[in-house]
Structure formats: C-alpha cells, structure tokens
Protein backbone atom coordinates (compact mmCIF):
# COMPACT_ATOMS: atom_id res chain seq x y z
CA MET A 1 186.21 135.67 142.26
CA ASN A 2 186.38 133.02 140.15
CA SER A 3 183.76 130.76 140.36
CA GLY A 4 184.48 128.44 137.57
CA ASN A 5 181.31 130.68 135.95
CA GLN A 6 179.10 128.08 137.07
CA PRO A 7 175.79 128.94 137.59
CA ARG A 8 175.13 126.42 140.27
CA ASP A 9 178.05 125.32 141.43
CA LEU A 10 179.03 124.60 145.20
CA ARG A 11 180.59 127.88 146.00
CA SER A 12 178.00 130.26 144.35
CA ALA A 13 175.33 128.17 146.35
CA ARG A 14 177.12 128.89 149.64
CA LEU A 15 177.28 132.18 149.17
CA ARG A 16 173.75 132.33 148.11
CA LEU A 17 173.04 130.58 151.11
CA SER A 18 174.70 132.82 153.11
CA LEU A 19 173.16 136.03 151.87
CA GLY A 20 169.74 134.39 152.16
CA VAL A 21 170.57 134.48 156.27
CA ALA A 22 171.89 137.53 155.97
CA VAL A 23 168.78 139.29 153.97
CA LEU A 24 166.01 137.26 155.55
CA GLY A 25 165.58 139.87 158.01
CA VAL A 26 165.44 142.69 155.75
CA LEU A 27 162.86 141.09 152.96
CA MET A 28 160.30 140.44 155.73
CA PRO A 29 157.45 143.47 155.27
CA ALA A 30 156.74 145.31 158.58
CA ALA A 31 153.84 144.73 160.31
CA CYS A 32 150.88 146.49 159.01
CA ARG A 33 149.72 150.07 160.00
CA GLU A 34 146.51 151.04 160.22
CA SER A 35 145.75 154.01 158.70
CA SER A 36 144.91 157.49 160.25
CA PRO A 37 141.14 157.78 161.09
CA THR A 38 141.19 161.39 160.68
CA VAL A 39 142.68 161.12 157.12
CA ARG A 40 139.81 160.00 154.65
CA ALA A 41 140.98 161.53 151.10
CA SER A 42 139.99 158.46 149.08
CA VAL A 43 139.00 154.42 150.70
CA ALA A 44 141.80 153.52 148.83
CA ALA A 45 143.89 155.60 150.91
CA THR A 46 142.45 154.68 154.02
CA ALA A 47 142.04 150.68 153.45
CA PRO A 48 144.38 148.16 155.67
CA ALA A 49 146.90 146.68 153.40
CA PRO A 50 145.38 142.76 153.09
CA VAL A 51 146.20 140.65 156.06
CA GLU A 52 148.99 138.33 155.13
CA PHE A 53 148.72 134.43 156.53
CA ASN A 54 152.39 134.08 157.28
CA ARG A 55 153.41 137.98 158.36
CA ASP A 56 150.40 138.17 160.10
CA ILE A 57 148.46 134.76 160.91
CA ARG A 58 151.07 132.14 161.34
CA PRO A 59 153.00 133.27 164.15
CA ILE A 60 149.88 133.70 166.03
CA LEU A 61 148.82 130.36 165.62
CA ASN A 62 151.81 128.83 165.81
CA GLN A 63 152.67 130.15 169.52
CA ASN A 64 149.13 130.17 170.96
CA CYS A 65 147.44 126.98 169.54
CA VAL A 66 149.58 124.48 167.52
CA THR A 67 151.07 122.75 170.85
CA CYS A 68 147.81 121.25 171.54
CA HIS A 69 145.95 121.94 168.14
CA GLY A 70 148.86 120.81 165.53
CA GLY A 71 150.10 117.89 164.05
CA VAL A 72 151.34 116.05 167.43
CA ARG A 73 148.16 116.63 169.36
CA MET A 74 144.79 117.37 167.80
CA LEU A 75 142.87 118.41 170.82
CA GLY A 76 138.59 118.47 170.20
CA LYS A 77 139.66 117.42 166.34
CA ILE A 78 140.71 120.59 165.65
CA SER A 79 144.33 121.27 163.79
CA PHE A 80 145.70 124.73 162.61
CA VAL A 81 148.76 123.70 160.59
CA PHE A 82 146.39 122.77 157.16
CA ARG A 83 143.47 124.57 156.17
CA GLU A 84 140.84 121.96 155.12
CA GLU A 85 141.51 120.64 158.96
CA ALA A 86 141.26 124.08 160.19
CA THR A 87 137.86 125.24 158.09
CA ARG A 88 135.93 122.11 159.12
CA ALA A 89 134.20 121.55 162.29
CA GLY A 90 135.61 120.47 165.43
CA GLU A 91 134.24 117.92 168.28
CA SER A 92 131.62 120.45 169.08
CA GLY A 93 130.02 120.41 165.60
CA ASN A 94 131.18 124.04 165.28
CA ILE A 95 132.87 125.21 162.02
CA THR A 96 136.35 126.31 163.59
CA ILE A 97 137.25 129.06 160.59
CA LYS A 98 134.29 129.87 158.25
CA PRO A 99 136.33 131.69 155.60
CA GLY A 100 134.38 135.15 154.96
CA ASP A 101 132.26 135.03 158.28
CA ALA A 102 134.08 135.36 161.53
CA LYS A 103 130.72 136.45 163.88
CA HIS A 104 130.31 132.46 162.93
CA SER A 105 134.07 130.73 163.34
CA GLU A 106 134.21 129.03 166.41
CA LEU A 107 137.87 130.27 166.84
CA MET A 108 136.57 133.93 167.40
CA ALA A 109 134.06 132.71 169.85
CA ARG A 110 136.67 131.06 172.00
CA ILE A 111 139.20 133.67 171.95
CA THR A 112 136.59 136.69 172.81
CA THR A 113 134.99 135.15 175.67
CA ARG A 114 135.29 136.08 179.02
CA ASP A 115 134.23 132.17 180.09
CA PRO A 116 137.34 131.04 181.56
CA GLU A 117 136.27 127.37 180.91
CA LYS A 118 135.91 127.93 177.27
CA ARG A 119 138.55 130.63 176.41
CA MET A 120 141.18 129.78 174.43
CA PRO A 121 144.43 129.55 175.31
CA PRO A 122 143.25 128.27 178.14
CA VAL A 123 143.43 130.43 181.48
CA ASP A 124 146.37 127.58 182.67
CA HIS A 125 147.99 127.32 179.47
CA GLY A 126 148.88 131.03 178.37
CA HIS A 127 147.47 134.48 177.94
CA ALA A 128 144.46 135.67 176.41
CA LEU A 129 145.24 137.10 172.57
CA GLU A 130 146.10 140.67 172.67
CA PRO A 131 143.67 142.97 171.05
CA ARG A 132 145.71 143.33 168.07
CA GLN A 133 146.06 139.89 167.45
CA ILE A 134 142.27 138.88 168.18
CA GLU A 135 141.43 142.08 165.39
CA LEU A 136 143.67 140.48 163.10
CA LEU A 137 142.28 137.47 163.03
CA ARG A 138 138.72 138.64 162.30
CA ARG A 139 140.10 140.74 159.39
CA TRP A 140 141.95 138.02 157.91
CA ILE A 141 138.64 135.52 158.31
CA ASN A 142 136.37 137.99 157.03
CA GLU A 143 138.98 138.46 153.92
CA GLY A 144 138.44 134.86 153.53
CA ALA A 145 141.11 133.28 155.21
CA ARG A 146 143.64 132.56 152.87
CA TRP A 147 146.02 130.04 153.64
CA SER A 148 149.98 130.30 152.63
CA GLU A 149 152.75 127.43 152.36
CA HIS A 150 155.03 128.25 154.77
CA TRP A 151 157.48 131.15 153.26
CA ALA A 152 160.29 128.05 153.79
CA PHE A 153 158.87 125.92 151.12
CA VAL A 154 157.78 129.18 148.96
CA ALA A 155 159.78 130.05 146.25
CA PRO A 156 161.66 133.67 146.88
CA LYS A 157 160.55 136.52 144.32
CA PRO A 158 162.98 139.10 143.22
CA GLN A 159 162.13 142.01 145.26
CA PRO A 160 162.96 145.93 144.36
CA VAL A 161 166.32 146.99 145.38
CA PRO A 162 165.91 150.17 148.03
CA LYS A 163 167.44 153.16 147.15
CA LEU A 164 169.67 154.85 149.50
CA ASP A 165 170.83 158.52 150.26
CA ARG A 166 173.99 159.33 149.49
CA VAL A 167 176.31 158.70 152.17
CA GLY A 168 174.63 155.06 152.21
CA ALA A 169 174.96 155.09 148.23
CA ALA A 170 178.71 155.46 149.05
CA ARG A 171 179.08 152.27 151.15
CA ALA A 172 177.21 149.85 149.21
CA ASN A 173 179.35 147.16 147.31
CA ASN A 174 176.22 145.49 145.99
CA PRO A 175 172.83 145.53 146.03
CA VAL A 176 172.75 143.31 149.54
CA ASP A 177 174.38 146.31 150.99
CA ASN A 178 171.13 148.30 150.33
CA PHE A 179 168.74 146.32 151.77
CA VAL A 180 170.92 145.73 154.78
CA MET A 181 171.44 149.47 155.08
CA ASP A 182 167.87 150.08 154.50
CA ARG A 183 166.46 147.67 157.18
CA LEU A 184 169.16 149.19 159.63
CA ALA A 185 167.67 153.10 158.59
CA LYS A 186 164.42 151.76 159.53
CA GLU A 187 166.05 150.27 162.59
CA GLY A 188 167.57 153.18 163.73
CA LEU A 189 170.94 151.76 163.40
CA SER A 190 174.22 152.07 161.15
CA LEU A 191 176.60 149.91 160.12
CA SER A 192 179.56 148.71 161.73
CA PRO A 193 183.44 150.24 160.61
CA GLU A 194 184.74 148.50 158.02
CA ALA A 195 187.37 146.38 159.63
CA GLU A 196 191.46 146.82 159.61
CA SER A 197 192.67 145.13 156.06
CA ALA A 198 194.67 142.61 158.14
CA GLU A 199 191.98 141.43 160.35
CA LEU A 200 189.78 140.69 156.73
CA LEU A 201 192.27 138.64 155.55
CA ARG A 202 191.82 137.03 159.33
CA ARG A 203 188.62 136.44 158.44
CA VAL A 204 188.50 135.25 155.18
CA CYS A 205 190.93 132.60 155.32
CA PHE A 206 189.39 131.25 158.19
CA ASP A 207 186.17 131.30 156.07
CA LEU A 208 187.45 129.78 153.39
CA THR A 209 190.22 127.40 154.31
CA GLY A 210 189.63 127.43 158.17
CA LEU A 211 193.61 128.49 158.67
CA PRO A 212 194.95 131.96 159.68
CA PRO A 213 197.06 133.73 157.31
CA ILE A 214 200.79 133.09 157.34
CA PRO A 215 202.95 136.25 158.33
CA GLY A 216 204.08 136.62 154.39
CA GLU A 217 200.55 136.80 152.97
CA THR A 218 199.69 139.17 155.51
CA ASP A 219 202.62 141.26 154.63
CA ALA A 220 202.05 141.41 150.81
CA PHE A 221 198.13 142.02 151.35
CA LEU A 222 199.18 144.97 153.17
CA ALA A 223 201.65 146.26 150.87
CA ASP A 224 199.00 145.93 148.12
CA PRO A 225 196.98 148.91 147.29
CA SER A 226 195.94 148.58 144.36
CA PRO A 227 191.98 147.93 143.25
CA GLY A 228 191.15 144.34 143.44
CA ALA A 229 193.59 143.26 146.00
CA TYR A 230 191.02 141.36 148.71
CA GLU A 231 189.22 139.96 145.74
CA ARG A 232 192.39 138.55 144.42
CA GLN A 233 192.86 137.06 148.04
CA VAL A 234 190.06 134.93 148.06
CA ASP A 235 190.53 133.25 144.30
CA ARG A 236 193.89 132.60 146.27
CA LEU A 237 192.17 130.79 148.80
CA LEU A 238 189.43 129.34 146.95
CA ALA A 239 192.24 127.62 144.25
CA SER A 240 193.53 126.43 147.87
CA PRO A 241 193.67 122.79 148.66
CA HIS A 242 193.19 123.65 152.01
CA PHE A 243 189.53 124.80 150.80
CA GLY A 244 188.08 121.91 149.78
CA GLU A 245 189.43 120.10 153.43
CA ARG A 246 187.91 122.44 155.03
CA TRP A 247 184.54 122.45 153.60
CA ALA A 248 184.55 118.48 153.04
CA SER A 249 185.04 118.46 157.27
CA LEU A 250 181.42 120.25 157.37
CA TRP A 251 179.79 118.17 154.98
CA MET A 252 181.39 115.15 156.47
CA ASP A 253 179.79 115.78 159.58
CA LEU A 254 176.46 115.66 157.87
CA ALA A 255 176.83 112.66 156.23
CA ARG A 256 177.66 111.39 159.57
CA TYR A 257 180.96 110.18 158.30
CA ALA A 258 182.87 108.08 159.85
CA ASP A 259 185.86 105.15 159.94
CA THR A 260 184.19 102.55 161.73
CA THR A 261 180.68 101.10 162.59
CA GLY A 262 179.66 102.54 165.36
CA PHE A 263 177.75 99.55 167.95
CA GLU A 264 179.44 97.22 169.91
CA LYS A 265 182.99 96.31 168.70
CA ASP A 266 182.94 99.49 166.40
CA THR A 267 185.24 97.18 163.89
CA ALA A 268 187.23 99.56 161.22
CA ARG A 269 184.93 100.69 158.13
CA PRO A 270 187.07 102.13 155.25
CA MET A 271 185.52 105.29 153.58
CA TRP A 272 188.48 107.45 153.39
CA LYS A 273 187.88 107.43 149.41
CA TYR A 274 184.00 108.86 150.12
CA ARG A 275 186.28 111.63 151.84
CA ASP A 276 188.43 112.21 149.06
CA TRP A 277 186.09 112.97 146.44
CA LEU A 278 184.40 114.97 148.77
CA ILE A 279 187.43 117.06 149.04
CA ASP A 280 188.15 116.60 145.38
CA VAL A 281 184.75 118.04 144.20
CA LEU A 282 184.73 120.77 146.01
CA ASN A 283 188.44 122.18 144.96
CA ARG A 284 187.00 121.37 141.38
CA ASN A 285 183.96 123.28 141.96
CA LEU A 286 181.19 120.51 140.94
CA PRO A 287 177.69 121.75 140.06
CA TYR A 288 175.89 121.77 143.23
CA ASP A 289 173.17 119.53 141.02
CA GLN A 290 175.43 117.31 140.25
CA PHE A 291 176.69 117.26 143.92
CA VAL A 292 173.66 115.76 144.86
CA ILE A 293 172.56 113.97 142.27
CA ASP A 294 176.00 111.55 142.95
CA GLN A 295 175.25 111.07 146.84
CA LEU A 296 171.74 110.28 145.97
CA ALA A 297 171.51 108.32 143.38
CA GLY A 298 175.27 107.64 141.97
CA ASP A 299 174.63 104.45 141.24
CA LEU A 300 171.07 104.65 139.16
CA LEU A 301 173.04 106.62 136.74
CA PRO A 302 173.70 105.35 132.90
CA ASN A 303 177.18 103.86 133.64
CA PRO A 304 178.29 105.41 136.01
CA THR A 305 182.19 106.09 136.55
CA LEU A 306 183.56 104.96 140.31
CA GLU A 307 183.34 108.12 141.72
CA GLN A 308 179.64 108.21 141.27
CA LEU A 309 179.41 105.30 142.60
CA ALA A 310 182.28 106.45 145.63
CA ALA A 311 179.60 109.46 146.37
CA THR A 312 176.81 106.96 147.44
CA ALA A 313 178.86 106.71 150.28
CA PHE A 314 176.87 109.20 151.79
CA HIS A 315 174.37 107.01 152.73
CA ARG A 316 176.49 104.21 153.77
CA ASN A 317 177.33 105.85 157.00
CA THR A 318 174.95 104.40 159.01
CA LEU A 319 175.34 102.39 162.31
CA SER A 320 175.57 98.69 161.91
CA ASN A 321 175.58 95.48 164.53
CA ASP A 322 177.81 92.52 164.57
CA GLU A 323 176.89 91.97 167.72
CA GLY A 324 175.98 88.38 168.27
CA GLY A 325 172.08 87.88 168.79
CA ILE A 326 170.54 90.67 167.57
CA ASP A 327 167.77 91.24 165.46
CA SER A 328 169.71 91.99 161.76
CA GLU A 329 166.60 93.72 160.30
CA GLU A 330 166.09 96.12 163.20
CA PHE A 331 169.08 97.51 162.39
CA ARG A 332 168.66 97.43 158.69
CA MET A 333 165.27 99.34 159.12
CA LEU A 334 167.23 102.04 161.40
CA ALA A 335 169.34 102.27 158.93
CA VAL A 336 166.81 103.10 156.50
CA GLN A 337 164.82 105.63 158.76
CA ASP A 338 168.16 107.47 159.21
CA ARG A 339 168.64 107.85 155.86
CA ALA A 340 165.36 109.80 154.86
CA MET A 341 166.26 111.64 158.18
CA THR A 342 169.57 112.73 157.03
CA THR A 343 167.91 113.55 153.03
CA TRP A 344 165.54 115.84 154.84
CA ALA A 345 167.37 117.40 157.04
CA VAL A 346 170.61 117.70 154.86
CA PHE A 347 169.08 118.83 151.58
CA ASN A 348 166.11 120.27 152.94
CA GLY A 349 166.75 121.65 156.48
CA VAL A 350 163.64 120.06 157.73
CA THR A 351 163.66 117.64 161.25
CA TYR A 352 161.66 115.04 160.10
CA ASN A 353 161.72 111.79 162.70
CA CYS A 354 158.78 113.72 164.29
CA VAL A 355 156.53 112.66 161.15
CA GLN A 356 157.65 108.73 161.60
CA CYS A 357 155.32 109.22 164.78
CA HIS A 358 152.61 111.95 163.83
CA SER A 359 152.02 114.58 161.16
CA HIS A 360 154.53 117.48 161.57
CA PRO A 361 153.61 119.82 164.44
CA TYR A 362 154.66 123.20 162.57
CA ASP A 363 155.34 122.02 159.13
CA PRO A 364 153.42 120.62 156.38
CA ILE A 365 154.44 117.24 156.19
CA ARG A 366 151.63 113.97 156.53
CA HIS A 367 152.35 111.32 159.23
CA GLU A 368 151.46 109.27 156.10
CA GLU A 369 154.02 111.11 154.17
CA TYR A 370 156.93 109.71 156.22
CA TYR A 371 156.55 106.39 155.51
CA ARG A 372 155.75 106.86 151.67
CA PHE A 373 159.25 108.64 151.55
CA LEU A 374 160.77 105.97 153.71
CA ALA A 375 159.59 103.43 150.72
CA PHE A 376 162.31 105.02 148.44
CA PHE A 377 165.53 103.78 150.92
CA ASN A 378 163.46 100.48 151.79
CA THR A 379 164.53 99.07 148.54
CA THR A 380 168.30 99.16 149.32
CA SER A 381 170.35 96.13 148.97
CA ASP A 382 172.39 96.31 152.86
CA ALA A 383 170.94 94.41 155.37
CA ASN A 384 173.17 95.24 158.54
CA TYR A 385 175.45 91.78 157.75
CA GLY A 386 177.94 93.29 160.58
CA MET A 387 181.67 93.26 159.50
CA ASN A 388 180.56 92.06 155.77
CA ASP A 389 179.03 95.67 155.34
CA TYR A 390 177.66 93.90 152.14
CA PRO A 391 177.82 95.75 149.48
CA THR A 392 181.00 97.14 149.22
CA LEU A 393 182.97 98.94 146.14
CA ARG A 394 186.63 98.40 145.52
CA ILE A 395 188.68 101.36 144.51
CA PRO A 396 192.58 101.30 142.89
CA ASP A 397 194.69 103.35 145.28
CA ASP A 398 196.02 104.95 141.86
CA PRO A 399 193.26 107.18 140.28
CA SER A 400 194.85 106.92 136.82
CA ARG A 401 192.95 103.54 137.01
CA TYR A 402 189.33 104.37 138.01
CA GLY A 403 188.50 104.24 134.35
CA GLU A 404 189.41 100.68 134.21
CA ALA A 405 188.09 99.84 137.12
CA GLY A 406 184.74 101.33 137.10
CA GLY A 407 184.29 99.99 134.12
CA LEU A 408 184.96 96.28 135.40
CA GLN A 409 182.43 97.44 138.45
CA ASN A 410 180.01 98.19 135.45
CA GLU A 411 180.53 94.60 133.84
CA ILE A 412 180.18 93.19 137.47
CA MET A 413 176.57 95.29 137.77
CA SER A 414 175.40 94.41 134.56
CA LEU A 415 176.48 90.37 134.99
CA ARG A 416 174.78 90.30 138.48
CA SER A 417 171.45 92.24 136.92
CA GLU A 418 171.41 89.46 134.58
CA LEU A 419 171.56 86.35 136.52
CA VAL A 420 168.76 88.28 138.90
CA GLU A 421 166.61 88.16 136.10
CA ALA A 422 167.14 84.74 134.74
CA GLY A 423 166.64 83.71 138.30
CA LYS A 424 163.13 85.27 138.34
CA ALA A 425 161.89 84.02 134.94
CA LEU A 426 163.08 80.50 135.91
CA ASP A 427 160.65 80.84 139.36
CA SER A 428 157.98 82.13 137.09
CA GLU A 429 158.01 79.31 134.26
CA PRO A 430 155.29 76.73 135.59
CA GLY A 431 156.49 73.59 136.09
CA MET A 432 159.90 74.62 136.24
CA TRP A 433 160.52 73.37 139.58
CA ARG A 434 158.69 70.67 141.62
CA PRO A 435 159.68 68.42 144.60
CA LEU A 436 161.33 65.24 143.67
CA PRO A 437 158.83 61.91 145.12
CA LEU A 438 160.50 60.07 147.68
CA MET A 439 161.20 56.34 146.35
CA ALA A 440 162.99 54.64 149.61
CA ALA A 441 164.42 55.83 152.72
CA THR A 442 165.98 53.87 155.95
CA ALA A 443 165.06 54.66 159.19
CA ASP A 444 165.50 54.37 162.98
CA PRO A 445 162.87 52.25 164.87
CA LYS A 446 162.19 55.16 166.70
CA VAL A 447 161.66 57.79 163.69
CA THR A 448 157.80 57.65 162.49
CA PHE A 449 156.63 59.49 158.73
CA GLU A 450 153.87 61.01 158.04
CA LEU A 451 153.08 61.49 154.14
CA LYS A 452 151.17 64.47 153.45
CA ALA A 453 150.42 65.92 149.75
CA GLY A 454 153.19 63.65 147.90
CA GLU A 455 155.96 64.46 150.96
CA ALA A 456 157.25 62.23 153.32
CA PHE A 457 157.72 64.15 157.19
CA ALA A 458 160.40 62.53 159.40
CA ILE A 459 159.91 62.53 163.51
CA GLY A 460 163.64 61.59 164.70
CA THR A 461 166.73 60.78 163.18
CA VAL A 462 167.11 59.80 159.59
CA LYS A 463 170.12 57.82 158.93
CA GLN A 464 171.86 57.97 155.87
C-alpha cells in the first residue's frame, strides 16, 4: 500500500494500533506450568519458571484486593497499586509484603488463615483465593516480590515469529498471521475460510471510506485476477477524499467537536475550519507526531502557520456558558479539567478524571499528579466569555490566502506579547505608579470623609 513512505504517518499508526489489538492475546505468555515431579534430569529442568508480576500476580491483586486496598480506598493503610505502599507496614504494624520472606508477610497470613474474622478477602466480599493463586503469591514473595509497570506503560519488545507447519505457512501472508495461527493452534482452533472477493472489497470500502463500493468498482475488482488486485483497491481508497472524511468523523468525536457552545442558549460556534484542517491532514498523510503536536501546541511552535493555529481548536471544543448569573471562573476551570481528561483519554487511552479525587484505582497515577498536569492547561487565556468565545482566529475562506493571513496573525501575536511585557515592566518599576493626592472636593452635607494614609474615603454621594 502507498503510505507515503512515512515511518510515523497516520495510516501506519492506525494499522499498527489495529494489529496491536489483534496480536495482544497471542503475545501474552501462557501461564506457568509446574514441571512433573517424576522427571528430574537436572535442577534447571525441573525448576519452575520465575513468577511474572504482570502475568501471574497483578490479575490476582486487581480481582481480589484493590477494591478495598487501592487508589480509591486504603483500608488498613494498605494499597496494592504501588510497590512501596504494598511493602510497608499496614495499620496492624505488620509488613504487608516482605520481599524474600513470605512466611513473615501479613498478606500470606491473611489469605491462608482459617479465622473468618481475619481472612482476606473477607467472607462477605468474596471467595477465598484458590490454592494455585496462594502458591503463586508465596513463590512471588520468596523470589523477591519483583514488581513491574502495567504492561500498557511498558514499551513492547520484538518477539520471535512463531514457525508454522507446511499448511499454516502456505496461508500466512505476513508475520502477524504466524502469531495468530500459532495461538489458534494452541487453542485447538483454525482460521475461518477466506471471504469472497466481493465481500473483501465491501469490508475494506466501509473500513477506509465509510461508503459501500459502487457496482462498477465491484465488477472491475472481480474481473481483475492479477496479483496485487486487492492492494490496488486499498491504494485507490486511501487516495479518495472520502478517506479523510471517514476518519475525521471518528477523531471529531474524540475531540468533542461541535458547532455550538453546549450550555443554555447553545449558541453557534464556527469550528468548521478545524474540521476542514482535520480532513485535509488525514488525506495528506501528515506524520502522526506532527498531527499530535499541532493540535496540542501548534500555537507554541516558532512562527506557526495558520493551519497549525487552527489545529489547536482541538482543545477549544469545551463547553462555555453564557447564562446570566453564572460564575465564569467555575466554567473556565471545568474547561481546563476537560482538557486534561481528554488529553489522557485520547492520546494515552487512560481514564483520568477519577484521579481528580483520589489516586487511580488500577493505573500507577497518584492523586497529586492530576493537579500537576492540570496546572499545564491552567495557563490558557480563554475564560468562559460566553458568546464572545475569546480568543478566536480569523481564517480566510480562500486557502490561497492562508500564508498572508498567517503572517498577519503572527505579527498580531508578537505585538500583543510586546504590549504585555511592556506593561509588566511598568508595573515593576519603583515609583512609576502612585495615587494622586486629593486637592479639593465638594460633597453633599450628608457625606462624611475619612482620610487614611493620604487617601480620601467618602460615605454618601459626591457631587461632580
């Protein structure tokens, strides 16, 4: 397929994401199998494989422990989200997990006791752990209680491509097929029959453009028996303007795109230039890293283009409220919180709003880290001005004038920055600003004056 020869482009990023989801299951190692006690050729041959935290231990803790001993609740001052918290003393004074010493770890005492008042998980919260799970925890602690980051935060490593038998190798078209068929074989399953040509074309049309193939396209594909016929159809669809429209619609949902402000009167918000930018860069195959940078910080780039400034509308799709009597600061902060949450959800696939009130119940994100990240977005200049929606960007209808308009916009930004800095300099200069002394005034007889530190305060109505 023609991906523009970009190693980090949007299409290849999407393809890698799709393949990563498909292969995830086949890359996960199988559970440890205990060696047979009757075969002892050597110590190395009979020793069980080391316990892996992410594979063997984290699922046990997440399923049975972190509901009460995690980021949300730390009953008994115990948490199993972070190693340093799990390996210290709890409320009882006993070390919860003592690396290298399962016998003196409170965790083992609680999951093996027969006393229903002390057993963990509590009788009214769930079943006791299975003997296999208890043994895994015991081995893990004795091996040093080695902790690992959640697999989603660990960079993937290359894995050896499984070898297939003659039949499997004949059906494999790429290394991903090897992983899939190897796992299917282990599960006693096999690949489904390959779909008919017309069905394959219909699938790829809906996937890439969201539109079905027209009869003429289907007829042409069915009449082409040459090698690479399917790949040429994919190239044709990637070159279609409908490709950008299809995938922009999905991204616009993530960007919470709307042409209105959302609250109360729900007045119009002209955001369609961001939509047009999005369709254009998807069709141009903009590299993914630049795609992200332009939307999060296009205005912070040196001499940004008008398109890069328009891209920052990604984080201007927040709700604003022009209802009378509202506190603008409240809704400004709601917009800041929305930007923090959206950034984590869209670019990291992590739910983040829960960290606003407590550490994450499963992911390694602490409560205080939420506010450190929030502070970054709490420096923006918008302030819920209602129908004003300041600051806004004027973009010509004619794209040929984008360069001229971008230059003017950069000049405006530069002058505005100079004005702000000049004001700061005046404010900081000693003696530059002082209150004028009161020379003379007339007032209604009912008005009383008080003089405090050279300033006059009047109570009543002062006549001009």
